[in-house]
C-alpha cells in the first residue's frame, strides 16, 4: 500500500485490479484491442516507414483509435501513474519541467494540447509519453543530464512519439496479436513502470518471446523515427542537436554493466548504430550561439540536494566547488541550498543575496529566492515579496504554492486556504494542490472543505469509492446551510457511482 501523508491509496498493480480500473474503456474497445492499446501505451513501438507527417484522419489507425479516444485512454492511464508512483511535490521542479516541455511542444509537430505533465519523484532515469498528450519525466533525468540540451533531447524524443501517433499506428500493426500475449504485457509492464521488479521483468520476457520477435524490429524503426523528429524539434527551439547523442552515450556508459537498466532503456534500447545515427544527423544542422541554461543547472542541483543522503557531505561538496569556480552562479545556489539544508540560514541567504543581481528576473529565480527565504524561516519577508508578485500574476503555480506553505507555517490557515482554493480552480488536475488544500482546510476548521478536497484527490488517483465516501461526508456536513452545494455534491456522487457501476459491468 502506498501512503500519501495521511491519505492511503492501494496501487492497482495486479492484473485483476488493472482490468477493473479500466472497465469503462471496454465499452469502446474489444478485449483484444484494449490489451493492444495498453501494451503500446507503455512500450512505444516502431513503424517500418519513417514518415515525419501525421497520419491522415482517414487512415486505419484513426479508424481504430480516434484522437478523442486517445485522450480518454490517456486520462485513465494518468490515474494509474498517480496511484502507482510517487510524484514530486516540489513547485520549482514541477514548474520548470512544465515550462520546458511546453516550450518544446511549440516547436514540435505535436499539434494537440498536452493533457498533463507528470514529474515522478524517483532518482532513476525515465521519461514517457502516453496517448492523448500525457508526458512524464523522472527527477532522475535531471540527475543524469548534464545540460538543458541533453535534458531536452529526451523530452523532444517523447514528443515525437506523440506527434507521429505511434500509439494508434502501432495498434494497426498489431491488431492480429492475441489476448494472452498482450494481457501478460499489461501486468508486467505496468508493474515494471511502478517499481521494476524481477517478477515484472520475467513477465515481460515471456510476453516478448510469445510475440515472435516482430515487436523488436518495429520498435527499432520507430525509435529511429522519433530520434530524427526530436532532433528537428531541438534545432527549431535553438538547442544543441548534439545533446541527443551526448545523452545517449552517457546513458550507455552509465548502465552498460548494470544488472537491470533503467525503465527508459528498457523501452528505448540503445545501440552503437543509433548513437552514430544521432551524431550524423546532428551534423546536418548548424545552430549558433549555443548556451546552457542557468535555470536548468539550478534545478539539477535542487534534484541532487533532494536525494543527498548526507547533507553535511553535500555542503562540503559545494564549498569546494564554489572555491574552485566562484563565478558560477548555479554552484553558488547549490551552496546556499546546502547551507539552508544544514540549518545555516543566515549564511545561506548571504550567499544568495550576492548572486541575486546576476540572475535573470524570471519566475524560477524569484521562486528560488523566496523559497530559500521561507526555508530559512524569514517568512514575513518572503510573504511580502510573494504578495506583491502575485498581485501581478495571481494564478502563478510555484509562487502560490510557496506562499501558501509559508502562510501555513506561520499559522495563517484561512489565508493559505484562499490561495489554494484559487489554485484548485486554475490547476484542477494537480494532485498536490488538492492534498495541500485538504490539509490546510482542516487546520482552518473547514471540515466540509477537507472532504471535498480529499474527494478530488482520490478521484485523480482513480480511487472512486474513496472519492464517493468523502463526497458523502461533505454532503452530510452541508445539509442544513448550503442547499446549492448539497445539490452539486449529490450529482457528483451519482456520476461517480455510475462510473463504478459501468466498470463492474
Protein backbone atom coordinates (compact mmCIF):
# COMPACT_ATOMS: atom_id res chain seq x y z
CA UNK A 1 0.00 0.00 0.00
CA UNK A 2 1.30 3.46 -0.90
CA UNK A 3 0.96 6.16 1.75
CA UNK A 4 0.47 9.82 0.86
CA UNK A 5 0.94 11.64 4.18
CA UNK A 6 -2.29 10.51 5.75
CA UNK A 7 -4.12 9.61 2.55
CA UNK A 8 -3.73 5.97 1.55
CA UNK A 9 -4.13 4.60 -1.93
CA UNK A 10 -3.93 0.97 -2.97
CA UNK A 11 -1.80 0.86 -6.15
CA UNK A 12 -3.75 -1.11 -8.78
CA UNK A 13 -0.76 -3.18 -9.83
CA UNK A 14 -2.32 -6.60 -10.16
CA UNK A 15 -3.81 -7.63 -13.46
CA UNK A 16 -7.28 -8.03 -11.91
CA UNK A 17 -7.17 -4.53 -10.44
CA UNK A 18 -5.99 -3.07 -13.73
CA UNK A 19 -8.86 -4.66 -15.58
CA UNK A 20 -11.41 -3.42 -13.04
CA UNK A 21 -9.99 0.10 -13.14
CA UNK A 22 -10.14 0.28 -16.93
CA UNK A 23 -13.52 -1.41 -17.15
CA UNK A 24 -15.25 1.64 -18.63
CA UNK A 25 -12.92 1.63 -21.62
CA UNK A 26 -14.13 -1.84 -22.61
CA UNK A 27 -17.27 -0.04 -23.73
CA UNK A 28 -15.25 1.36 -26.60
CA UNK A 29 -12.87 -1.43 -27.48
CA UNK A 30 -12.95 -5.19 -27.77
CA UNK A 31 -10.92 -7.10 -25.23
CA UNK A 32 -8.21 -7.89 -27.72
CA UNK A 33 -7.91 -4.31 -28.92
CA UNK A 34 -7.81 -2.92 -25.39
CA UNK A 35 -4.94 -5.21 -24.49
CA UNK A 36 -3.10 -3.91 -27.55
CA UNK A 37 -3.77 -0.31 -26.50
CA UNK A 38 -2.25 -0.66 -23.06
CA UNK A 39 0.73 -2.58 -24.39
CA UNK A 40 1.66 0.11 -26.88
CA UNK A 41 0.88 2.86 -24.37
CA UNK A 42 3.68 1.73 -22.08
CA UNK A 43 6.18 0.40 -24.62
CA UNK A 44 6.49 2.62 -27.74
CA UNK A 45 6.72 0.60 -30.93
CA UNK A 46 8.04 1.40 -34.38
CA UNK A 47 6.80 1.96 -37.86
CA UNK A 48 8.59 0.48 -40.86
CA UNK A 49 8.13 3.70 -42.79
CA UNK A 50 9.95 6.75 -41.45
CA UNK A 51 7.47 9.48 -42.25
CA UNK A 52 7.50 12.80 -40.39
CA UNK A 53 3.95 13.69 -41.35
CA UNK A 54 0.98 12.83 -39.17
CA UNK A 55 -1.24 10.04 -40.44
CA UNK A 56 -4.37 11.40 -42.05
CA UNK A 57 -7.59 11.17 -40.10
CA UNK A 58 -8.89 8.71 -42.65
CA UNK A 59 -6.14 6.12 -42.17
CA UNK A 60 -6.66 2.75 -40.49
CA UNK A 61 -5.13 3.77 -37.18
CA UNK A 62 -7.50 6.72 -36.79
CA UNK A 63 -10.47 4.50 -37.59
CA UNK A 64 -9.43 2.15 -34.80
CA UNK A 65 -8.33 4.76 -32.24
CA UNK A 66 -9.55 8.31 -32.73
CA UNK A 67 -7.69 11.25 -31.14
CA UNK A 68 -10.67 11.67 -28.80
CA UNK A 69 -10.38 8.08 -27.63
CA UNK A 70 -6.64 8.51 -27.12
CA UNK A 71 -7.41 11.32 -24.69
CA UNK A 72 -9.85 9.11 -22.78
CA UNK A 73 -7.21 6.40 -22.54
CA UNK A 74 -4.58 8.97 -21.53
CA UNK A 75 -6.73 10.22 -18.67
CA UNK A 76 -7.19 6.72 -17.28
CA UNK A 77 -3.52 5.90 -17.70
CA UNK A 78 -2.70 9.11 -15.84
CA UNK A 79 -4.74 7.89 -12.86
CA UNK A 80 -2.73 4.67 -12.88
CA UNK A 81 0.53 6.64 -12.83
CA UNK A 82 -0.62 8.80 -9.91
CA UNK A 83 -1.81 5.79 -7.92
CA UNK A 84 1.29 3.70 -8.59
CA UNK A 85 4.12 6.24 -8.48
CA UNK A 86 5.22 8.93 -6.07
CA UNK A 87 5.14 12.28 -7.84
CA UNK A 88 7.25 15.32 -7.00
CA UNK A 89 5.70 17.97 -4.75
CA UNK A 90 8.49 20.48 -5.40
CA UNK A 91 6.81 23.53 -7.01
CA UNK A 92 10.01 24.72 -8.70
CA UNK A 93 10.88 21.38 -10.27
CA UNK A 94 7.29 20.97 -11.44
CA UNK A 95 7.17 24.48 -12.89
CA UNK A 96 10.49 24.14 -14.71
CA UNK A 97 9.55 20.74 -16.15
CA UNK A 98 6.19 22.03 -17.36
CA UNK A 99 7.75 25.18 -18.80
CA UNK A 100 10.43 23.29 -20.73
CA UNK A 101 8.07 20.63 -22.05
CA UNK A 102 5.51 23.20 -23.20
CA UNK A 103 8.27 25.23 -24.83
CA UNK A 104 9.38 22.18 -26.81
CA UNK A 105 5.78 21.43 -27.78
CA UNK A 106 5.65 24.82 -29.53
CA UNK A 107 8.47 23.73 -31.85
CA UNK A 108 7.36 20.13 -32.30
CA UNK A 109 4.95 18.51 -34.76
CA UNK A 110 2.54 17.79 -31.92
CA UNK A 111 -0.45 19.99 -32.68
CA UNK A 112 -2.78 18.93 -29.87
CA UNK A 113 -2.85 20.20 -26.30
CA UNK A 114 -0.79 18.49 -23.63
CA UNK A 115 -3.23 16.69 -21.37
CA UNK A 116 -0.96 16.60 -18.35
CA UNK A 117 2.69 16.61 -17.29
CA UNK A 118 3.86 14.28 -14.54
CA UNK A 119 7.10 14.73 -12.60
CA UNK A 120 7.91 11.43 -10.89
CA UNK A 121 9.80 11.57 -7.61
CA UNK A 122 12.42 8.96 -8.46
CA UNK A 123 16.20 9.17 -8.99
CA UNK A 124 16.05 6.53 -11.71
CA UNK A 125 16.31 7.63 -15.32
CA UNK A 126 12.99 7.57 -17.14
CA UNK A 127 10.66 9.60 -19.35
CA UNK A 128 7.48 8.57 -21.11
CA UNK A 129 4.69 9.78 -23.37
CA UNK A 130 1.21 8.29 -23.31
CA UNK A 131 -1.66 8.68 -25.78
CA UNK A 132 -3.74 11.81 -25.59
CA UNK A 133 -0.81 14.01 -24.59
CA UNK A 134 0.47 12.74 -21.24
CA UNK A 135 4.19 13.41 -20.77
CA UNK A 136 6.21 12.30 -17.76
CA UNK A 137 9.78 12.68 -16.52
CA UNK A 138 11.57 11.26 -13.51
CA UNK A 139 13.73 13.54 -11.41
CA UNK A 140 16.46 11.10 -12.40
CA UNK A 141 16.53 12.81 -15.80
CA UNK A 142 17.76 15.98 -14.06
CA UNK A 143 20.40 13.92 -12.28
CA UNK A 144 21.71 12.24 -15.45
CA UNK A 145 21.54 15.10 -17.97
CA UNK A 146 24.46 17.49 -17.78
CA UNK A 147 22.80 20.43 -19.51
CA UNK A 148 19.46 21.64 -20.85
CA UNK A 149 20.28 20.26 -24.31
CA UNK A 150 20.68 16.68 -23.07
CA UNK A 151 17.59 17.01 -20.87
CA UNK A 152 15.51 18.39 -23.73
CA UNK A 153 16.66 15.72 -26.19
CA UNK A 154 14.82 13.05 -24.18
CA UNK A 155 11.64 15.14 -23.98
CA UNK A 156 11.77 16.02 -27.70
CA UNK A 157 12.06 12.30 -28.48
CA UNK A 158 8.93 11.55 -26.41
CA UNK A 159 7.01 14.37 -28.08
CA UNK A 160 7.91 12.83 -31.44
CA UNK A 161 6.15 9.63 -30.39
CA UNK A 162 3.04 11.71 -29.69
CA UNK A 163 3.19 13.82 -32.86
CA UNK A 164 3.55 10.75 -35.06
CA UNK A 165 0.73 8.96 -33.25
CA UNK A 166 2.93 5.92 -32.74
CA UNK A 167 0.35 4.66 -30.29
CA UNK A 168 -2.50 4.44 -32.81
CA UNK A 169 -0.26 3.38 -35.69
CA UNK A 170 1.19 0.59 -33.59
CA UNK A 171 -2.29 -0.74 -32.89
CA UNK A 172 -2.93 -1.08 -36.60
CA UNK A 173 0.29 -3.06 -36.99
CA UNK A 174 -0.59 -5.37 -34.11
CA UNK A 175 -4.31 -5.84 -34.46
CA UNK A 176 -3.80 -9.53 -35.17
CA UNK A 177 -1.98 -10.20 -31.90
CA UNK A 178 -3.65 -12.46 -29.38
CA UNK A 179 -5.07 -11.53 -25.99
CA UNK A 180 -2.86 -13.82 -23.85
CA UNK A 181 0.34 -12.20 -25.11
CA UNK A 182 -0.95 -8.69 -24.60
CA UNK A 183 -2.53 -9.45 -21.22
CA UNK A 184 0.81 -10.62 -19.84
CA UNK A 185 2.41 -7.45 -21.16
CA UNK A 186 -0.17 -5.29 -19.35
CA UNK A 187 0.63 -6.80 -15.98
CA UNK A 188 4.38 -6.94 -16.49
CA UNK A 189 4.92 -3.50 -17.96
CA UNK A 190 2.75 -1.53 -15.56
CA UNK A 191 4.30 -3.33 -12.60
CA UNK A 192 7.69 -2.51 -14.06
CA UNK A 193 6.77 1.13 -14.61
CA UNK A 194 5.67 1.42 -11.00
CA UNK A 195 8.81 -0.02 -9.49
CA UNK A 196 10.59 -2.51 -11.65
CA UNK A 197 10.67 -5.94 -10.02
CA UNK A 198 12.28 -9.15 -11.18
CA UNK A 199 8.80 -10.66 -11.46
CA UNK A 200 7.80 -7.89 -13.85
CA UNK A 201 10.88 -8.49 -15.97
CA UNK A 202 10.11 -12.20 -16.11
CA UNK A 203 6.56 -11.44 -17.24
CA UNK A 204 7.85 -9.10 -19.93
CA UNK A 205 10.37 -11.66 -21.16
CA UNK A 206 7.70 -14.33 -21.53
CA UNK A 207 5.44 -11.97 -23.45
CA UNK A 208 8.25 -10.84 -25.72
CA UNK A 209 9.12 -14.43 -26.54
CA UNK A 210 5.48 -15.07 -27.44
CA UNK A 211 5.46 -12.10 -29.82
CA UNK A 212 7.91 -13.99 -32.12
CA UNK A 213 10.41 -11.16 -32.30
CA UNK A 214 8.46 -8.89 -34.65
CA UNK A 215 7.95 -6.21 -31.98
CA UNK A 216 11.69 -5.55 -31.61
CA UNK A 217 12.09 -4.92 -35.33
CA UNK A 218 9.22 -2.43 -35.33
CA UNK A 219 10.47 -0.81 -32.12
CA UNK A 220 13.89 -0.04 -33.56
CA UNK A 221 12.39 1.60 -36.62
CA UNK A 222 10.04 3.74 -34.58
CA UNK A 223 12.75 4.81 -32.16
CA UNK A 224 14.90 5.97 -35.08
CA UNK A 225 11.95 7.96 -36.42
CA UNK A 226 11.39 9.61 -33.03
CA UNK A 227 15.12 10.41 -32.78
CA UNK A 228 15.10 12.19 -36.13
CA UNK A 229 11.95 14.19 -35.49
CA UNK A 230 13.02 15.02 -31.93
CA UNK A 231 16.30 16.33 -33.26
CA UNK A 232 14.47 18.70 -35.61
CA UNK A 233 12.39 19.94 -32.67
CA UNK A 234 15.54 20.74 -30.70
CA UNK A 235 17.04 22.73 -33.56
CA UNK A 236 13.86 24.77 -34.00
CA UNK A 237 13.94 25.54 -30.26
CA UNK A 238 17.53 26.80 -30.53
CA UNK A 239 19.01 23.86 -28.64
CA UNK A 240 22.20 21.95 -29.41
CA UNK A 241 21.33 18.92 -31.59
CA UNK A 242 24.48 17.18 -30.33
CA UNK A 243 22.78 16.97 -26.93
CA UNK A 244 20.91 13.90 -28.16
CA UNK A 245 23.98 11.79 -28.92
CA UNK A 246 25.74 13.02 -25.76
CA UNK A 247 22.77 11.94 -23.66
CA UNK A 248 22.60 8.53 -25.33
CA UNK A 249 26.34 7.96 -24.87
CA UNK A 250 26.06 8.97 -21.23
CA UNK A 251 23.20 6.53 -20.64
CA UNK A 252 25.01 3.72 -22.40
CA UNK A 253 28.18 4.22 -20.35
CA UNK A 254 26.32 4.61 -17.06
CA UNK A 255 24.28 1.43 -17.42
CA UNK A 256 26.49 -0.81 -19.55
CA UNK A 257 27.43 -3.18 -16.73
CA UNK A 258 24.34 -2.95 -14.53
CA UNK A 259 22.13 -5.97 -13.93
CA UNK A 260 18.98 -4.04 -14.75
CA UNK A 261 18.93 -0.90 -16.89
CA UNK A 262 16.55 1.99 -16.06
CA UNK A 263 12.99 1.99 -17.35
CA UNK A 264 13.89 4.36 -20.18
CA UNK A 265 16.44 1.96 -21.63
CA UNK A 266 14.06 -0.97 -21.30
CA UNK A 267 11.60 0.78 -23.60
CA UNK A 268 14.16 2.69 -25.68
CA UNK A 269 17.06 0.27 -26.29
CA UNK A 270 20.29 1.95 -27.39
CA UNK A 271 22.83 0.64 -29.84
CA UNK A 272 26.11 1.88 -31.31
CA UNK A 273 24.33 2.36 -34.63
CA UNK A 274 21.62 4.50 -33.10
CA UNK A 275 24.16 6.72 -31.34
CA UNK A 276 26.15 7.01 -34.56
CA UNK A 277 22.99 7.98 -36.45
CA UNK A 278 22.24 10.67 -33.85
CA UNK A 279 25.73 12.15 -34.36
CA UNK A 280 25.46 12.06 -38.14
CA UNK A 281 22.01 13.64 -38.13
CA UNK A 282 23.20 16.44 -35.84
CA UNK A 283 25.94 17.36 -38.34
CA UNK A 284 23.27 18.37 -40.83
CA UNK A 285 22.28 21.27 -38.58
CA UNK A 286 24.18 24.38 -37.64
CA UNK A 287 22.94 26.20 -34.56
CA UNK A 288 24.78 29.34 -33.48
CA UNK A 289 25.20 30.77 -30.02
CA UNK A 290 24.61 27.55 -28.06
CA UNK A 291 24.29 28.34 -24.36
CA UNK A 292 23.45 26.34 -21.29
CA UNK A 293 20.58 27.33 -19.03
CA UNK A 294 21.33 28.50 -15.51
CA UNK A 295 17.72 27.63 -14.61
CA UNK A 296 18.31 24.01 -15.64
CA UNK A 297 21.56 23.85 -13.67
CA UNK A 298 19.75 25.16 -10.58
CA UNK A 299 17.00 22.57 -10.96
CA UNK A 300 19.63 19.84 -11.44
CA UNK A 301 21.29 20.96 -8.20
CA UNK A 302 17.90 21.07 -6.49
CA UNK A 303 17.23 17.47 -7.57
CA UNK A 304 20.65 16.36 -6.34
CA UNK A 305 20.02 18.01 -2.97
CA UNK A 306 16.76 16.10 -2.63
CA UNK A 307 18.50 12.73 -2.92
CA UNK A 308 21.59 13.70 -0.92
CA UNK A 309 21.82 11.11 1.86
CA UNK A 310 24.33 13.05 3.94
CA UNK A 311 23.65 16.79 3.99
CA UNK A 312 27.00 17.58 5.60
CA UNK A 313 28.81 15.89 2.71
CA UNK A 314 26.66 17.87 0.27
CA UNK A 315 27.63 21.10 1.98
CA UNK A 316 31.34 20.26 1.84
CA UNK A 317 30.98 19.40 -1.85
CA UNK A 318 29.58 22.82 -2.73
CA UNK A 319 32.03 24.67 -0.51
CA UNK A 320 34.84 23.04 -2.50
CA UNK A 321 33.17 23.59 -5.90
CA UNK A 322 32.50 27.28 -5.26
CA UNK A 323 36.10 27.79 -4.17
CA UNK A 324 37.32 26.32 -7.46
CA UNK A 325 34.71 28.07 -9.61
CA UNK A 326 33.48 31.14 -7.72
CA UNK A 327 31.90 32.76 -10.79
CA UNK A 328 29.35 30.00 -11.47
CA UNK A 329 26.05 31.33 -10.11
CA UNK A 330 24.40 27.89 -10.21
CA UNK A 331 27.08 26.48 -7.90
CA UNK A 332 26.55 29.40 -5.54
CA UNK A 333 22.86 28.49 -5.47
CA UNK A 334 23.89 24.93 -4.65
CA UNK A 335 25.95 26.22 -1.75
CA UNK A 336 23.06 28.38 -0.48
CA UNK A 337 20.67 25.42 -0.69
CA UNK A 338 23.14 23.13 1.10
CA UNK A 339 23.65 25.74 3.84
CA UNK A 340 19.89 26.08 4.34
CA UNK A 341 19.53 22.28 4.49
CA UNK A 342 22.18 22.27 7.24
CA UNK A 343 20.29 24.92 9.25
CA UNK A 344 22.77 27.67 8.41
CA UNK A 345 20.08 30.11 7.32
CA UNK A 346 21.93 33.40 7.71
CA UNK A 347 24.93 32.21 5.68
CA UNK A 348 22.64 30.70 3.03
CA UNK A 349 20.82 34.00 2.46
CA UNK A 350 24.10 35.90 2.41
CA UNK A 351 25.38 33.65 -0.40
CA UNK A 352 22.20 34.02 -2.46
CA UNK A 353 22.00 37.80 -1.98
CA UNK A 354 25.45 38.13 -3.56
CA UNK A 355 24.41 36.35 -6.75
CA UNK A 356 20.81 37.61 -6.96
CA UNK A 357 21.72 40.66 -9.04
CA UNK A 358 23.45 38.42 -11.61
CA UNK A 359 20.42 36.19 -12.11
CA UNK A 360 17.77 36.88 -14.76
CA UNK A 361 14.49 38.29 -13.47
CA UNK A 362 12.35 35.21 -14.09
CA UNK A 363 9.69 33.31 -12.16
CA UNK A 364 12.18 30.49 -11.46
CA UNK A 365 14.76 32.86 -9.95
CA UNK A 366 12.19 34.74 -7.88
CA UNK A 367 10.66 31.46 -6.68
CA UNK A 368 14.11 30.10 -5.78
CA UNK A 369 14.83 33.19 -3.69
CA UNK A 370 11.50 33.31 -1.84
CA UNK A 371 11.60 29.54 -1.27
CA UNK A 372 15.04 29.97 0.30
CA UNK A 373 13.71 32.79 2.49
CA UNK A 374 10.89 30.57 3.72
CA UNK A 375 13.24 27.64 4.20
CA UNK A 376 15.45 29.88 6.32
CA UNK A 377 12.46 31.00 8.41
CA UNK A 378 12.22 34.55 7.02
CA UNK A 379 8.50 34.15 6.37
CA UNK A 380 7.46 37.79 6.71
CA UNK A 381 9.90 38.96 4.04
CA UNK A 382 9.03 36.03 1.78
CA UNK A 383 5.29 36.68 2.16
CA UNK A 384 5.62 40.40 1.41
CA UNK A 385 7.58 39.72 -1.77
CA UNK A 386 5.24 36.96 -2.89
CA UNK A 387 2.12 39.01 -2.21
CA UNK A 388 3.41 41.83 -4.43
CA UNK A 389 4.38 39.47 -7.26
CA UNK A 390 1.11 37.54 -7.04
CA UNK A 391 -0.86 40.78 -7.34
CA UNK A 392 0.52 40.91 -10.89
CA UNK A 393 0.11 37.20 -11.74
CA UNK A 394 -2.28 35.75 -9.12
CA UNK A 395 -2.50 32.29 -10.70
CA UNK A 396 1.22 31.56 -10.81
CA UNK A 397 1.79 27.99 -9.63
CA UNK A 398 5.19 27.94 -7.86
CA UNK A 399 4.73 31.33 -6.21
CA UNK A 400 1.24 30.41 -4.98
CA UNK A 401 2.42 27.12 -3.50
CA UNK A 402 5.43 28.71 -1.78
CA UNK A 403 3.17 31.47 -0.43
CA UNK A 404 0.54 29.03 0.84
CA UNK A 405 3.13 26.87 2.57
CA UNK A 406 4.72 29.93 4.20
CA UNK A 407 1.29 31.14 5.39
CA UNK A 408 0.60 27.68 6.83
CA UNK A 409 3.98 27.68 8.59
CA UNK A 410 3.00 30.95 10.29
CA UNK A 411 -0.48 29.60 11.19
CA UNK A 412 -2.35 31.86 8.75
CA UNK A 413 -4.51 28.94 7.72
CA UNK A 414 -7.53 30.77 6.28
CA UNK A 415 -5.31 32.92 4.04
CA UNK A 416 -3.42 29.86 2.88
CA UNK A 417 -6.74 28.13 2.14
CA UNK A 418 -7.80 31.05 -0.09
CA UNK A 419 -4.59 30.79 -2.12
CA UNK A 420 -5.01 27.03 -2.57
CA UNK A 421 -8.69 27.34 -3.49
CA UNK A 422 -7.68 29.70 -6.29
CA UNK A 423 -5.04 27.22 -7.42
CA UNK A 424 -7.59 24.40 -7.41
CA UNK A 425 -9.62 26.33 -9.99
CA UNK A 426 -6.65 27.07 -12.27
CA UNK A 427 -4.97 23.67 -11.81
CA UNK A 428 -7.84 21.21 -11.16
CA UNK A 429 -5.72 18.20 -12.17
CA UNK A 430 -2.84 18.96 -9.80
CA UNK A 431 -2.92 16.34 -7.04
CA UNK A 432 -0.58 18.39 -4.84
CA UNK A 433 -2.97 21.33 -4.81
CA UNK A 434 -5.85 19.13 -3.61
CA UNK A 435 -3.68 17.42 -1.00
CA UNK A 436 -2.41 20.74 0.40
CA UNK A 437 -5.93 22.17 0.32
CA UNK A 438 -7.32 19.22 2.30
CA UNK A 439 -4.65 19.62 4.96
CA UNK A 440 -4.98 23.41 5.14
CA UNK A 441 -8.79 23.35 5.24
CA UNK A 442 -8.56 21.05 8.23
CA UNK A 443 -6.24 23.47 10.01
CA UNK A 444 -8.59 26.32 9.11
CA UNK A 445 -11.56 24.46 10.64
CA UNK A 446 -13.35 23.91 7.32
CA UNK A 447 -14.22 20.22 7.71
CA UNK A 448 -16.52 20.02 4.69
CA UNK A 449 -13.71 21.59 2.65
CA UNK A 450 -11.38 18.83 3.84
CA UNK A 451 -13.68 16.13 2.46
CA UNK A 452 -14.34 17.94 -0.83
CA UNK A 453 -10.60 18.34 -1.44
CA UNK A 454 -9.90 14.73 -0.50
CA UNK A 455 -12.65 13.57 -2.83
CA UNK A 456 -10.93 15.38 -5.72
CA UNK A 457 -7.56 13.98 -4.67
CA UNK A 458 -8.82 10.40 -4.72
CA UNK A 459 -10.71 10.96 -7.96
CA UNK A 460 -7.47 11.97 -9.70
CA UNK A 461 -5.96 8.69 -8.50
CA UNK A 462 -8.87 6.63 -9.80
CA UNK A 463 -9.94 5.68 -6.27
CA UNK A 464 -13.63 6.21 -6.97
CA UNK A 465 -15.01 4.53 -3.84
CA UNK A 466 -12.82 6.68 -1.58
CA UNK A 467 -13.88 9.77 -3.51
CA UNK A 468 -17.57 8.91 -3.10
CA UNK A 469 -17.04 8.32 0.61
CA UNK A 470 -15.60 11.81 1.14
CA UNK A 471 -18.28 13.45 -1.00
CA UNK A 472 -20.94 11.81 1.18
CA UNK A 473 -19.19 13.09 4.32
CA UNK A 474 -19.16 16.61 2.85
CA UNK A 475 -22.81 16.31 1.83
CA UNK A 476 -23.85 15.35 5.35
CA UNK A 477 -21.96 18.33 6.79
CA UNK A 478 -23.57 20.88 4.45
CA UNK A 479 -27.13 19.52 4.66
CA UNK A 480 -28.63 22.48 6.52
CA UNK A 481 -26.77 25.60 5.43
CA UNK A 482 -25.89 25.21 1.73
CA UNK A 483 -28.58 23.61 -0.46
CA UNK A 484 -26.80 24.63 -3.68
CA UNK A 485 -23.61 22.80 -2.65
CA UNK A 486 -25.79 19.90 -1.48
CA UNK A 487 -27.24 19.50 -4.97
CA UNK A 488 -23.80 19.73 -6.57
CA UNK A 489 -22.34 17.08 -4.28
CA UNK A 490 -25.32 14.79 -4.83
CA UNK A 491 -24.83 14.99 -8.59
CA UNK A 492 -21.09 14.26 -8.26
CA UNK A 493 -21.83 11.22 -6.12
CA UNK A 494 -24.35 9.94 -8.65
CA UNK A 495 -21.92 10.44 -11.55
CA UNK A 496 -19.15 8.55 -9.78
CA UNK A 497 -21.47 5.70 -8.83
CA UNK A 498 -22.41 5.40 -12.49
CA UNK A 499 -18.72 5.15 -13.46
CA UNK A 500 -18.13 2.44 -10.84
CA UNK A 501 -21.20 0.52 -11.99
CA UNK A 502 -20.08 0.67 -15.64
CA UNK A 503 -16.60 -0.51 -14.69
CA UNK A 504 -18.04 -3.57 -12.94
CA UNK A 505 -20.45 -4.49 -15.71
